[in-house]
Amino acid sequence: MVTPQERQWMWDQYAPEPRMRINLGIRRRLAPLLDNDRRKIELANSLLFTLPGSPIIYYGDEIGMGDNIELLDRNGVRTPMQWDDSLNGGFTTGKPFTELIKGELGYKKINASNQSANPGSLFHSISRMVKIRKKRQAFGRGDMEWIETNNPSLAVYARKHQDETLLIINNLTGNSQTTELSPDHRAKYVNLLSDTEFQIESPLTLEPYAYLWLKKQT
């Protein structure tokens, strides 16, 4: 249960203008909520895909679509999907049911076609996360264990299922963070996101908003 104080803090951080709110919630998309910062957006998805529960992505968030808070009610986040940079974002050759996003997050700059063709795009990063989560049963069925560290700015936890152990490390801040992991976790891993070997040593440092998905080698 969210307390009134916690709700007010959330509003202050993510919806300072009343028109950004609806009922007790927030009517914003992920990209503008996180200052359109690619690092923050990926980190949020890292948490979404590795913590327990069923991840849900709202259409367009996989490419970093924006919102239009000038539109009433929930229509601010129900703008047409931005498929390409053609007329009406490739959504329709007719008249769209509502205005399309303009500016930095508009369809001329942010669209599925451009990102599909760019291997380094947000779309491909999110697609990689989806594929890995579907492949690793520890994410969908495994137990979760929080890993104690000497740094509260890092969210570190293990997901375990049968003989598979995954170690997830997220830097929740905009500064580099260093931690000391216990000897039990100083081992050889495979970095699932880059498909490369990774050695946990002490100390371990992560860049701002960085994240690691590691599979322990047996």
C-alpha atoms as a PDB file:
ATOM      1  CA  MET A   1       0.000   0.000   0.000  1.00  0.00           C
ATOM      2  CA  VAL A   2       1.403   3.368  -1.027  1.00  0.00           C
ATOM      3  CA  THR A   3       1.165   6.030   1.660  1.00  0.00           C
ATOM      4  CA  PRO A   4       0.082   9.616   0.845  1.00  0.00           C
ATOM      5  CA  GLN A   5       3.637  10.749   1.584  1.00  0.00           C
ATOM      6  CA  GLU A   6       5.114   8.184  -0.830  1.00  0.00           C
ATOM      7  CA  ARG A   7       2.586   9.154  -3.499  1.00  0.00           C
ATOM      8  CA  GLN A   8       3.440  12.827  -3.122  1.00  0.00           C
ATOM      9  CA  TRP A   9       7.145  12.044  -3.427  1.00  0.00           C
ATOM     10  CA  MET A  10       6.446  10.077  -6.597  1.00  0.00           C
ATOM     11  CA  TRP A  11       4.437  12.959  -8.034  1.00  0.00           C
ATOM     12  CA  ASP A  12       7.129  15.472  -7.114  1.00  0.00           C
ATOM     13  CA  GLN A  13       9.767  13.380  -8.877  1.00  0.00           C
ATOM     14  CA  TYR A  14       7.919  12.183 -11.959  1.00  0.00           C
ATOM     15  CA  ALA A  15       4.770  14.303 -12.366  1.00  0.00           C
ATOM     16  CA  PRO A  16       5.415  17.777 -10.943  1.00  0.00           C
ATOM     17  CA  GLU A  17       2.645  19.281 -13.088  1.00  0.00           C
ATOM     18  CA  PRO A  18      -0.976  18.328 -12.203  1.00  0.00           C
ATOM     19  CA  ARG A  19      -1.732  17.631 -15.886  1.00  0.00           C
ATOM     20  CA  MET A  20       0.824  14.801 -15.745  1.00  0.00           C
ATOM     21  CA  ARG A  21      -1.336  12.946 -13.221  1.00  0.00           C
ATOM     22  CA  ILE A  22      -4.548  10.968 -13.473  1.00  0.00           C
ATOM     23  CA  ASN A  23      -6.513   9.869 -10.439  1.00  0.00           C
ATOM     24  CA  LEU A  24      -3.767   8.620  -8.088  1.00  0.00           C
ATOM     25  CA  GLY A  25      -1.372   7.651 -10.863  1.00  0.00           C
ATOM     26  CA  ILE A  26       0.822   9.180 -13.537  1.00  0.00           C
ATOM     27  CA  ARG A  27      -0.029   9.462 -17.232  1.00  0.00           C
ATOM     28  CA  ARG A  28       3.450   9.569 -18.714  1.00  0.00           C
ATOM     29  CA  ARG A  29       5.520   7.247 -20.871  1.00  0.00           C
ATOM     30  CA  LEU A  30       8.772   5.719 -19.708  1.00  0.00           C
ATOM     31  CA  ALA A  31      11.135   7.771 -21.898  1.00  0.00           C
ATOM     32  CA  PRO A  32       9.973  11.236 -20.783  1.00  0.00           C
ATOM     33  CA  LEU A  33       9.643   9.977 -17.200  1.00  0.00           C
ATOM     34  CA  LEU A  34      13.351   9.156 -17.284  1.00  0.00           C
ATOM     35  CA  ASP A  35      14.483  12.341 -19.072  1.00  0.00           C
ATOM     36  CA  ASN A  36      14.857  10.397 -22.320  1.00  0.00           C
ATOM     37  CA  ASP A  37      18.120   9.056 -20.886  1.00  0.00           C
ATOM     38  CA  ARG A  38      18.994   5.813 -22.692  1.00  0.00           C
ATOM     39  CA  ARG A  39      20.962   4.556 -19.673  1.00  0.00           C
ATOM     40  CA  LYS A  40      18.024   5.045 -17.287  1.00  0.00           C
ATOM     41  CA  ILE A  41      15.554   3.481 -19.717  1.00  0.00           C
ATOM     42  CA  GLU A  42      17.690   0.361 -20.122  1.00  0.00           C
ATOM     43  CA  LEU A  43      18.241   0.121 -16.373  1.00  0.00           C
ATOM     44  CA  ALA A  44      14.487   0.282 -15.740  1.00  0.00           C
ATOM     45  CA  ASN A  45      13.989  -2.563 -18.205  1.00  0.00           C
ATOM     46  CA  SER A  46      16.822  -4.539 -16.596  1.00  0.00           C
ATOM     47  CA  LEU A  47      14.897  -4.420 -13.323  1.00  0.00           C
ATOM     48  CA  LEU A  48      11.608  -5.205 -15.065  1.00  0.00           C
ATOM     49  CA  PHE A  49      12.925  -8.335 -16.786  1.00  0.00           C
ATOM     50  CA  THR A  50      15.005  -9.780 -13.940  1.00  0.00           C
ATOM     51  CA  LEU A  51      12.830  -9.248 -10.853  1.00  0.00           C
ATOM     52  CA  PRO A  52      10.012 -11.726 -10.101  1.00  0.00           C
ATOM     53  CA  GLY A  53       6.709 -11.264 -11.902  1.00  0.00           C
ATOM     54  CA  SER A  54       5.491 -11.018 -15.474  1.00  0.00           C
ATOM     55  CA  PRO A  55       7.069  -8.102 -17.363  1.00  0.00           C
ATOM     56  CA  ILE A  56       4.750  -5.929 -19.431  1.00  0.00           C
ATOM     57  CA  ILE A  57       5.925  -3.371 -22.007  1.00  0.00           C
ATOM     58  CA  TYR A  58       3.503  -0.744 -23.281  1.00  0.00           C
ATOM     59  CA  TYR A  59       3.597  -0.453 -27.068  1.00  0.00           C
ATOM     60  CA  GLY A  60       6.202   2.031 -28.222  1.00  0.00           C
ATOM     61  CA  ASP A  61       8.252   1.966 -25.030  1.00  0.00           C
ATOM     62  CA  GLU A  62      10.628  -0.474 -26.715  1.00  0.00           C
ATOM     63  CA  ILE A  63      11.714   2.359 -29.035  1.00  0.00           C
ATOM     64  CA  GLY A  64      11.461   5.190 -26.497  1.00  0.00           C
ATOM     65  CA  MET A  65       8.255   6.873 -27.678  1.00  0.00           C
ATOM     66  CA  GLY A  66       7.168  10.062 -25.981  1.00  0.00           C
ATOM     67  CA  ASP A  67       3.803  11.300 -24.736  1.00  0.00           C
ATOM     68  CA  ASN A  68       1.537  14.304 -25.264  1.00  0.00           C
ATOM     69  CA  ILE A  69       0.286  15.647 -21.949  1.00  0.00           C
ATOM     70  CA  GLU A  70      -1.802  18.253 -23.790  1.00  0.00           C
ATOM     71  CA  LEU A  71      -4.272  15.492 -24.690  1.00  0.00           C
ATOM     72  CA  LEU A  72      -7.001  14.680 -22.188  1.00  0.00           C
ATOM     73  CA  ASP A  73      -7.173  11.676 -19.889  1.00  0.00           C
ATOM     74  CA  ARG A  74      -5.092   8.641 -20.935  1.00  0.00           C
ATOM     75  CA  ASN A  75      -4.940   9.775 -24.554  1.00  0.00           C
ATOM     76  CA  GLY A  76      -1.601  11.403 -23.783  1.00  0.00           C
ATOM     77  CA  VAL A  77       0.039   7.963 -23.919  1.00  0.00           C
ATOM     78  CA  ARG A  78      -2.259   6.496 -26.585  1.00  0.00           C
ATOM     79  CA  THR A  79      -0.786   8.276 -29.571  1.00  0.00           C
ATOM     80  CA  PRO A  80      -0.304   6.330 -32.847  1.00  0.00           C
ATOM     81  CA  MET A  81       2.579   3.872 -32.988  1.00  0.00           C
ATOM     82  CA  GLN A  82       5.599   5.401 -34.706  1.00  0.00           C
ATOM     83  CA  TRP A  83       6.431   2.801 -37.354  1.00  0.00           C
ATOM     84  CA  ASP A  84       8.577   4.937 -39.663  1.00  0.00           C
ATOM     85  CA  ASP A  85       9.247   8.533 -40.700  1.00  0.00           C
ATOM     86  CA  SER A  86       6.617   8.668 -43.446  1.00  0.00           C
ATOM     87  CA  LEU A  87       3.307  10.541 -43.237  1.00  0.00           C
ATOM     88  CA  ASN A  88       1.576   9.929 -39.891  1.00  0.00           C
ATOM     89  CA  GLY A  89       4.484   7.803 -38.739  1.00  0.00           C
ATOM     90  CA  GLY A  90       3.411   4.968 -41.037  1.00  0.00           C
ATOM     91  CA  PHE A  91       0.422   4.358 -38.760  1.00  0.00           C
ATOM     92  CA  THR A  92      -2.271   5.237 -41.281  1.00  0.00           C
ATOM     93  CA  THR A  93      -2.730   6.856 -44.690  1.00  0.00           C
ATOM     94  CA  GLY A  94      -5.974   8.336 -43.415  1.00  0.00           C
ATOM     95  CA  LYS A  95      -6.597  10.748 -40.585  1.00  0.00           C
ATOM     96  CA  PRO A  96      -5.086   9.591 -37.258  1.00  0.00           C
ATOM     97  CA  PHE A  97      -7.487   9.347 -34.326  1.00  0.00           C
ATOM     98  CA  THR A  98      -5.299  11.805 -32.442  1.00  0.00           C
ATOM     99  CA  GLU A  99      -2.196  13.937 -32.858  1.00  0.00           C
ATOM    100  CA  LEU A 100       1.194  12.297 -33.263  1.00  0.00           C
ATOM    101  CA  ILE A 101       4.145  13.100 -31.019  1.00  0.00           C
ATOM    102  CA  LYS A 102       6.266  16.000 -32.211  1.00  0.00           C
ATOM    103  CA  GLY A 103       9.745  17.238 -31.372  1.00  0.00           C
ATOM    104  CA  GLU A 104      12.687  15.224 -30.089  1.00  0.00           C
ATOM    105  CA  LEU A 105      10.554  12.121 -29.484  1.00  0.00           C
ATOM    106  CA  GLY A 106       8.441  12.509 -32.608  1.00  0.00           C
ATOM    107  CA  TYR A 107       8.170   9.923 -35.376  1.00  0.00           C
ATOM    108  CA  LYS A 108      10.676  11.702 -37.607  1.00  0.00           C
ATOM    109  CA  LYS A 109      13.422  10.842 -35.109  1.00  0.00           C
ATOM    110  CA  ILE A 110      12.006   7.945 -33.082  1.00  0.00           C
ATOM    111  CA  ASN A 111      10.452   5.118 -35.075  1.00  0.00           C
ATOM    112  CA  ALA A 112      10.529   1.338 -35.333  1.00  0.00           C
ATOM    113  CA  SER A 113      11.975   1.243 -38.839  1.00  0.00           C
ATOM    114  CA  ASN A 114      15.081   3.270 -38.015  1.00  0.00           C
ATOM    115  CA  GLN A 115      15.738   1.368 -34.814  1.00  0.00           C
ATOM    116  CA  SER A 116      15.259  -2.027 -36.428  1.00  0.00           C
ATOM    117  CA  ALA A 117      17.999  -1.125 -38.910  1.00  0.00           C
ATOM    118  CA  ASN A 118      20.373   0.067 -36.176  1.00  0.00           C
ATOM    119  CA  PRO A 119      21.979  -2.785 -34.173  1.00  0.00           C
ATOM    120  CA  GLY A 120      22.908  -0.337 -31.399  1.00  0.00           C
ATOM    121  CA  SER A 121      19.386   0.997 -30.886  1.00  0.00           C
ATOM    122  CA  LEU A 122      17.197   0.797 -27.805  1.00  0.00           C
ATOM    123  CA  PHE A 123      14.895  -1.580 -29.698  1.00  0.00           C
ATOM    124  CA  HIS A 124      17.668  -4.143 -30.121  1.00  0.00           C
ATOM    125  CA  SER A 125      18.739  -3.803 -26.476  1.00  0.00           C
ATOM    126  CA  ILE A 126      15.179  -4.502 -25.296  1.00  0.00           C
ATOM    127  CA  SER A 127      14.797  -7.343 -27.817  1.00  0.00           C
ATOM    128  CA  ARG A 128      17.967  -8.931 -26.425  1.00  0.00           C
ATOM    129  CA  MET A 129      16.554  -8.745 -22.893  1.00  0.00           C
ATOM    130  CA  VAL A 130      13.295 -10.355 -24.010  1.00  0.00           C
ATOM    131  CA  LYS A 131      15.098 -13.238 -25.733  1.00  0.00           C
ATOM    132  CA  ILE A 132      17.348 -13.910 -22.746  1.00  0.00           C
ATOM    133  CA  ARG A 133      14.476 -13.831 -20.269  1.00  0.00           C
ATOM    134  CA  LYS A 134      12.475 -16.301 -22.367  1.00  0.00           C
ATOM    135  CA  LYS A 135      15.480 -18.606 -22.624  1.00  0.00           C
ATOM    136  CA  ARG A 136      16.434 -18.637 -18.915  1.00  0.00           C
ATOM    137  CA  GLN A 137      13.903 -20.410 -16.718  1.00  0.00           C
ATOM    138  CA  ALA A 138      15.453 -18.913 -13.588  1.00  0.00           C
ATOM    139  CA  PHE A 139      13.820 -15.594 -14.484  1.00  0.00           C
ATOM    140  CA  GLY A 140      10.319 -16.985 -14.886  1.00  0.00           C
ATOM    141  CA  ARG A 141      10.351 -19.819 -12.344  1.00  0.00           C
ATOM    142  CA  GLY A 142      13.361 -19.328 -10.143  1.00  0.00           C
ATOM    143  CA  ASP A 143      13.740 -18.226  -6.557  1.00  0.00           C
ATOM    144  CA  MET A 144      15.125 -14.821  -5.732  1.00  0.00           C
ATOM    145  CA  GLU A 145      17.703 -13.931  -3.098  1.00  0.00           C
ATOM    146  CA  TRP A 146      18.911 -10.425  -2.282  1.00  0.00           C
ATOM    147  CA  ILE A 147      22.701 -10.254  -2.072  1.00  0.00           C
ATOM    148  CA  GLU A 148      24.091  -8.147   0.763  1.00  0.00           C
ATOM    149  CA  THR A 149      26.701  -5.598  -0.306  1.00  0.00           C
ATOM    150  CA  ASN A 150      28.433  -2.665   1.313  1.00  0.00           C
ATOM    151  CA  ASN A 151      26.834  -0.263  -1.162  1.00  0.00           C
ATOM    152  CA  PRO A 152      23.081   0.555  -0.947  1.00  0.00           C
ATOM    153  CA  SER A 153      23.219   2.226  -4.379  1.00  0.00           C
ATOM    154  CA  LEU A 154      23.462  -1.194  -6.029  1.00  0.00           C
ATOM    155  CA  ALA A 155      20.561  -3.621  -6.372  1.00  0.00           C
ATOM    156  CA  VAL A 156      22.170  -7.065  -6.371  1.00  0.00           C
ATOM    157  CA  TYR A 157      20.214 -10.315  -6.367  1.00  0.00           C
ATOM    158  CA  ALA A 158      20.400 -13.917  -7.500  1.00  0.00           C
ATOM    159  CA  ARG A 159      17.791 -15.855  -9.466  1.00  0.00           C
ATOM    160  CA  LYS A 160      18.061 -19.641  -9.082  1.00  0.00           C
ATOM    161  CA  HIS A 161      16.302 -22.536 -10.746  1.00  0.00           C
ATOM    162  CA  GLN A 162      17.527 -26.130 -10.502  1.00  0.00           C
ATOM    163  CA  ASP A 163      21.261 -26.019 -11.375  1.00  0.00           C
ATOM    164  CA  GLU A 164      21.183 -22.533 -12.890  1.00  0.00           C
ATOM    165  CA  THR A 165      22.302 -19.469 -10.904  1.00  0.00           C
ATOM    166  CA  LEU A 166      22.012 -15.965 -12.314  1.00  0.00           C
ATOM    167  CA  LEU A 167      23.558 -12.938 -10.613  1.00  0.00           C
ATOM    168  CA  ILE A 168      22.008  -9.554 -11.429  1.00  0.00           C
ATOM    169  CA  ILE A 169      23.728  -6.284 -10.536  1.00  0.00           C
ATOM    170  CA  ASN A 170      22.116  -2.873 -11.151  1.00  0.00           C
ATOM    171  CA  ASN A 171      23.653   0.529 -10.464  1.00  0.00           C
ATOM    172  CA  LEU A 172      20.702   2.723  -9.501  1.00  0.00           C
ATOM    173  CA  THR A 173      22.631   5.989  -9.547  1.00  0.00           C
ATOM    174  CA  GLY A 174      24.195   8.431 -11.952  1.00  0.00           C
ATOM    175  CA  ASN A 175      27.640   7.873 -10.456  1.00  0.00           C
ATOM    176  CA  SER A 176      30.113   5.015 -10.703  1.00  0.00           C
ATOM    177  CA  GLN A 177      29.610   2.606  -7.814  1.00  0.00           C
ATOM    178  CA  THR A 178      31.990   0.086  -6.254  1.00  0.00           C
ATOM    179  CA  THR A 179      31.181  -2.836  -4.010  1.00  0.00           C
ATOM    180  CA  GLU A 180      32.783  -5.822  -2.327  1.00  0.00           C
ATOM    181  CA  LEU A 181      31.001  -9.095  -3.013  1.00  0.00           C
ATOM    182  CA  SER A 182      31.493 -12.063  -0.715  1.00  0.00           C
ATOM    183  CA  PRO A 183      33.896 -14.849  -1.752  1.00  0.00           C
ATOM    184  CA  ASP A 184      30.899 -17.030  -2.674  1.00  0.00           C
ATOM    185  CA  HIS A 185      30.174 -14.699  -5.580  1.00  0.00           C
ATOM    186  CA  ARG A 186      33.754 -14.211  -6.762  1.00  0.00           C
ATOM    187  CA  ALA A 187      33.649 -16.685  -9.606  1.00  0.00           C
ATOM    188  CA  LYS A 188      33.584 -17.078 -13.360  1.00  0.00           C
ATOM    189  CA  TYR A 189      30.400 -16.085 -15.130  1.00  0.00           C
ATOM    190  CA  VAL A 190      29.015 -15.626 -18.599  1.00  0.00           C
ATOM    191  CA  ASN A 191      27.700 -12.143 -19.327  1.00  0.00           C
ATOM    192  CA  LEU A 192      24.344 -13.032 -20.860  1.00  0.00           C
ATOM    193  CA  LEU A 193      23.904  -9.673 -22.560  1.00  0.00           C
ATOM    194  CA  SER A 194      27.222  -9.756 -24.412  1.00  0.00           C
ATOM    195  CA  ASP A 195      27.753 -13.540 -24.454  1.00  0.00           C
ATOM    196  CA  THR A 196      31.278 -13.125 -23.090  1.00  0.00           C
ATOM    197  CA  GLU A 197      33.114 -14.496 -20.082  1.00  0.00           C
ATOM    198  CA  PHE A 198      33.113 -12.321 -16.975  1.00  0.00           C
ATOM    199  CA  GLN A 199      35.208 -12.692 -13.845  1.00  0.00           C
ATOM    200  CA  ILE A 200      33.864 -11.272 -10.578  1.00  0.00           C
ATOM    201  CA  GLU A 201      36.761  -9.826  -8.665  1.00  0.00           C
ATOM    202  CA  SER A 202      37.029  -7.565  -5.661  1.00  0.00           C
ATOM    203  CA  PRO A 203      36.253  -4.738  -5.772  1.00  0.00           C
ATOM    204  CA  LEU A 204      33.648  -4.578  -8.547  1.00  0.00           C
ATOM    205  CA  THR A 205      32.851  -1.209 -10.150  1.00  0.00           C
ATOM    206  CA  LEU A 206      29.841  -0.344 -12.319  1.00  0.00           C
ATOM    207  CA  GLU A 207      29.469   2.762 -14.447  1.00  0.00           C
ATOM    208  CA  PRO A 208      26.449   5.092 -13.946  1.00  0.00           C
ATOM    209  CA  TYR A 209      23.141   3.261 -14.477  1.00  0.00           C
ATOM    210  CA  ALA A 210      25.014   0.160 -15.649  1.00  0.00           C
ATOM    211  CA  TYR A 211      23.660  -3.367 -15.170  1.00  0.00           C
ATOM    212  CA  LEU A 212      24.966  -6.909 -15.453  1.00  0.00           C
ATOM    213  CA  TRP A 213      23.154 -10.188 -16.121  1.00  0.00           C
ATOM    214  CA  LEU A 214      25.572 -12.954 -15.221  1.00  0.00           C
ATOM    215  CA  LYS A 215      25.255 -16.755 -15.358  1.00  0.00           C
ATOM    216  CA  LYS A 216      27.518 -18.583 -12.952  1.00  0.00           C
ATOM    217  CA  GLN A 217      29.703 -21.186 -14.592  1.00  0.00           C
ATOM    218  CA  THR A 218      29.666 -24.640 -13.046  1.00  0.00           C
END
